[in-house]
N, C-alpha and C. Protein backbone atom coordinates (compact mmCIF):
# COMPACT_ATOMS: atom_id res chain seq x y z
N MET A 1 -13.66 4.79 2.78
CA MET A 1 -12.55 5.21 1.66
C MET A 1 -13.52 4.85 0.29
N PRO A 2 -14.01 5.67 -0.57
CA PRO A 2 -14.85 5.58 -1.44
C PRO A 2 -14.14 4.88 -2.55
N LYS A 3 -14.58 4.34 -3.33
CA LYS A 3 -13.78 3.86 -4.78
C LYS A 3 -13.78 5.04 -5.78
N LYS A 4 -12.85 5.44 -5.99
CA LYS A 4 -12.56 6.55 -7.11
C LYS A 4 -12.90 5.85 -8.42
N ASN A 5 -12.57 4.47 -8.89
CA ASN A 5 -12.97 4.20 -10.20
C ASN A 5 -13.30 2.74 -10.23
N LYS A 6 -14.09 2.30 -11.37
CA LYS A 6 -14.36 1.18 -11.63
C LYS A 6 -13.60 0.23 -11.75
N GLU A 7 -12.42 -0.08 -11.01
CA GLU A 7 -11.20 -1.05 -11.78
C GLU A 7 -11.88 -2.56 -11.04
N THR A 8 -11.89 -3.33 -11.94
CA THR A 8 -12.23 -4.90 -11.66
C THR A 8 -11.45 -5.59 -10.41
N SER A 9 -12.30 -5.96 -9.68
CA SER A 9 -11.75 -6.68 -8.43
C SER A 9 -11.29 -7.96 -8.62
N GLU A 10 -10.17 -8.54 -8.02
CA GLU A 10 -9.77 -9.91 -7.96
C GLU A 10 -9.36 -10.41 -6.70
N ARG A 11 -9.87 -11.59 -6.63
CA ARG A 11 -9.86 -12.20 -5.33
C ARG A 11 -8.33 -12.70 -4.89
N MET A 12 -7.71 -12.38 -3.92
CA MET A 12 -6.48 -12.80 -3.27
C MET A 12 -6.44 -13.42 -1.98
N VAL A 13 -5.59 -14.38 -1.84
CA VAL A 13 -5.42 -15.02 -0.65
C VAL A 13 -4.37 -14.66 0.12
N ILE A 14 -4.22 -13.86 1.42
CA ILE A 14 -2.98 -13.67 2.19
C ILE A 14 -2.83 -14.37 3.27
N LYS A 15 -1.54 -14.76 3.48
CA LYS A 15 -1.41 -15.30 4.84
C LYS A 15 -0.89 -14.53 5.98
N ILE A 16 -1.76 -14.53 7.07
CA ILE A 16 -1.32 -13.76 8.16
C ILE A 16 -1.44 -14.41 9.27
N PRO A 17 -0.65 -13.94 10.57
CA PRO A 17 -0.90 -14.73 11.73
C PRO A 17 -2.27 -14.79 12.13
N LYS A 18 -2.60 -15.72 12.92
CA LYS A 18 -4.32 -15.82 13.35
C LYS A 18 -4.94 -14.87 14.00
N THR A 19 -3.98 -14.17 15.27
CA THR A 19 -4.29 -13.29 16.10
C THR A 19 -4.53 -12.06 15.15
N VAL A 20 -3.59 -11.71 13.99
CA VAL A 20 -3.59 -10.65 13.14
C VAL A 20 -5.31 -10.48 12.45
N ALA A 21 -5.39 -11.90 12.08
CA ALA A 21 -6.40 -12.24 11.04
C ALA A 21 -7.71 -12.03 11.96
N ASP A 22 -7.77 -11.94 13.03
CA ASP A 22 -9.03 -12.26 14.30
C ASP A 22 -9.30 -10.59 14.27
N TYR A 23 -7.98 -9.78 14.79
CA TYR A 23 -8.32 -8.24 14.86
C TYR A 23 -8.72 -7.65 13.77
N PHE A 24 -8.01 -8.37 12.43
CA PHE A 24 -8.60 -7.58 11.19
C PHE A 24 -10.35 -7.90 10.91
N ARG A 25 -10.86 -8.87 11.20
CA ARG A 25 -12.03 -9.30 11.24
C ARG A 25 -12.99 -8.37 12.17
N VAL A 26 -12.44 -8.15 13.24
CA VAL A 26 -13.57 -7.63 14.39
C VAL A 26 -13.23 -6.01 14.02
N THR A 27 -12.06 -5.43 13.56
CA THR A 27 -11.92 -4.14 13.63
C THR A 27 -12.48 -3.66 12.04
N PHE A 28 -12.51 -4.08 11.15
CA PHE A 28 -13.26 -4.23 9.93
C PHE A 28 -14.25 -4.69 9.41
N PRO A 29 -15.15 -4.20 9.21
CA PRO A 29 -16.54 -5.07 8.85
C PRO A 29 -16.53 -5.51 7.57
N HIS A 30 -17.15 -6.63 7.20
CA HIS A 30 -17.01 -7.22 5.84
C HIS A 30 -17.33 -6.18 4.69
N GLY A 31 -16.58 -6.09 3.60
CA GLY A 31 -16.77 -5.10 2.69
C GLY A 31 -15.95 -4.05 2.66
N LYS A 32 -15.30 -3.64 4.00
CA LYS A 32 -14.35 -2.47 4.35
C LYS A 32 -12.80 -3.17 4.46
N ARG A 33 -12.91 -4.37 4.23
CA ARG A 33 -11.50 -4.66 4.60
C ARG A 33 -10.89 -4.61 3.19
N SER A 34 -11.33 -4.80 2.29
CA SER A 34 -10.77 -4.93 0.84
C SER A 34 -10.07 -3.24 0.50
N ASP A 35 -11.26 -2.46 1.04
CA ASP A 35 -10.71 -1.07 0.71
C ASP A 35 -9.82 -0.90 1.81
N PHE A 36 -9.46 -0.93 2.75
CA PHE A 36 -8.41 -0.84 3.94
C PHE A 36 -6.98 -1.32 3.13
N VAL A 37 -7.36 -2.67 2.82
CA VAL A 37 -6.01 -3.26 2.27
C VAL A 37 -5.69 -2.69 1.20
N THR A 38 -6.49 -2.20 0.24
CA THR A 38 -6.13 -1.55 -1.32
C THR A 38 -5.49 -0.10 -0.83
N GLN A 39 -6.23 0.60 0.10
CA GLN A 39 -5.55 1.96 0.37
C GLN A 39 -3.99 1.77 1.18
N CYS A 40 -3.81 0.57 1.74
CA CYS A 40 -2.53 0.46 2.28
C CYS A 40 -1.52 -0.01 1.33
N VAL A 41 -2.10 -0.66 0.43
CA VAL A 41 -1.09 -1.06 -0.64
C VAL A 41 -0.55 0.08 -1.17
N LEU A 42 -1.55 0.90 -1.73
CA LEU A 42 -1.21 2.08 -2.81
C LEU A 42 -0.60 3.13 -1.88
N ASP A 43 -0.78 3.30 -0.90
CA ASP A 43 0.03 4.29 0.31
C ASP A 43 1.51 4.06 0.16
N TYR A 44 1.64 2.34 0.33
CA TYR A 44 3.14 1.72 0.33
C TYR A 44 3.74 2.04 -0.78
N LYS A 45 2.86 1.95 -2.00
CA LYS A 45 3.42 2.04 -3.46
C LYS A 45 4.02 3.37 -3.88
N ASN A 46 3.00 4.31 -3.26
CA ASN A 46 3.34 5.90 -3.31
C ASN A 46 4.85 6.12 -2.48
N LYS A 47 4.86 5.53 -1.52
CA LYS A 47 5.97 6.00 -0.27
C LYS A 47 7.26 5.18 -1.24
N ARG A 48 7.12 4.02 -1.48
CA ARG A 48 8.55 3.25 -2.32
C ARG A 48 8.80 4.09 -3.74
N GLU A 49 7.70 4.66 -4.53
CA GLU A 49 7.98 5.65 -5.68
C GLU A 49 8.67 6.89 -5.08
N ILE A 50 8.42 7.34 -4.23
CA ILE A 50 8.88 8.93 -3.54
C ILE A 50 10.17 8.69 -3.34
N GLU A 51 10.21 7.47 -2.52
CA GLU A 51 11.81 7.01 -1.69
C GLU A 51 12.90 6.69 -2.97
N GLY A 52 12.35 6.28 -4.02
CA GLY A 52 12.86 5.97 -5.16
C GLY A 52 13.42 7.42 -5.85
N MET A 53 12.66 8.04 -6.12
CA MET A 53 13.04 9.65 -6.73
C MET A 53 13.64 10.43 -5.87
N GLU A 54 13.97 10.28 -4.19
CA GLU A 54 14.52 10.68 -3.48
C GLU A 54 15.91 10.48 -3.66
N GLU A 55 16.19 9.15 -3.89
CA GLU A 55 17.19 8.23 -4.09
C GLU A 55 17.96 8.58 -5.22
N GLU A 56 17.10 9.09 -6.58
CA GLU A 56 17.70 9.05 -7.74
C GLU A 56 18.18 10.86 -7.55
N LEU A 57 17.73 11.94 -6.85
CA LEU A 57 17.91 13.09 -6.54
C LEU A 57 19.48 13.14 -5.85
N ARG A 58 19.31 12.40 -4.82
CA ARG A 58 20.69 12.28 -3.98
C ARG A 58 21.65 12.19 -5.10
N LYS A 59 21.61 10.97 -5.85
CA LYS A 59 22.77 10.49 -6.87
C LYS A 59 23.00 11.30 -7.72
N ALA A 60 21.81 12.06 -8.35
CA ALA A 60 22.24 13.19 -9.06
C ALA A 60 22.95 14.60 -8.44
N GLY A 61 22.87 14.59 -7.25
CA GLY A 61 23.41 15.70 -6.61
C GLY A 61 24.57 15.21 -6.54
N LYS A 62 25.05 13.92 -6.08
CA LYS A 62 26.59 13.76 -5.64
C LYS A 62 27.42 13.92 -7.16
N LYS A 63 26.74 13.46 -8.04
CA LYS A 63 27.40 13.57 -9.30
C LYS A 63 27.94 14.97 -9.69
N ARG A 64 26.96 16.01 -9.33
CA ARG A 64 27.10 17.13 -9.83
C ARG A 64 28.35 18.01 -8.93
N GLN A 65 28.14 17.50 -7.63
CA GLN A 65 29.25 18.00 -6.74
C GLN A 65 31.05 17.55 -6.86
N LYS A 66 30.92 16.54 -7.72
CA LYS A 66 32.54 16.00 -8.05
C LYS A 66 32.95 16.69 -9.25
């Protein structure tokens, strides 16, 4: 997952179960973990924005039908 822009990085601590943390360390080498988490968060953000837009369209459609 290549970095697309030169945005500054900020250190953050997340609390996850030890078994998940162990799997995470084994699966993603040092330096790739941040890229993975970044992509997951951005994907989640995008999904939520799309769901919000769909909900607004549903509400607008219901108002037109009345």
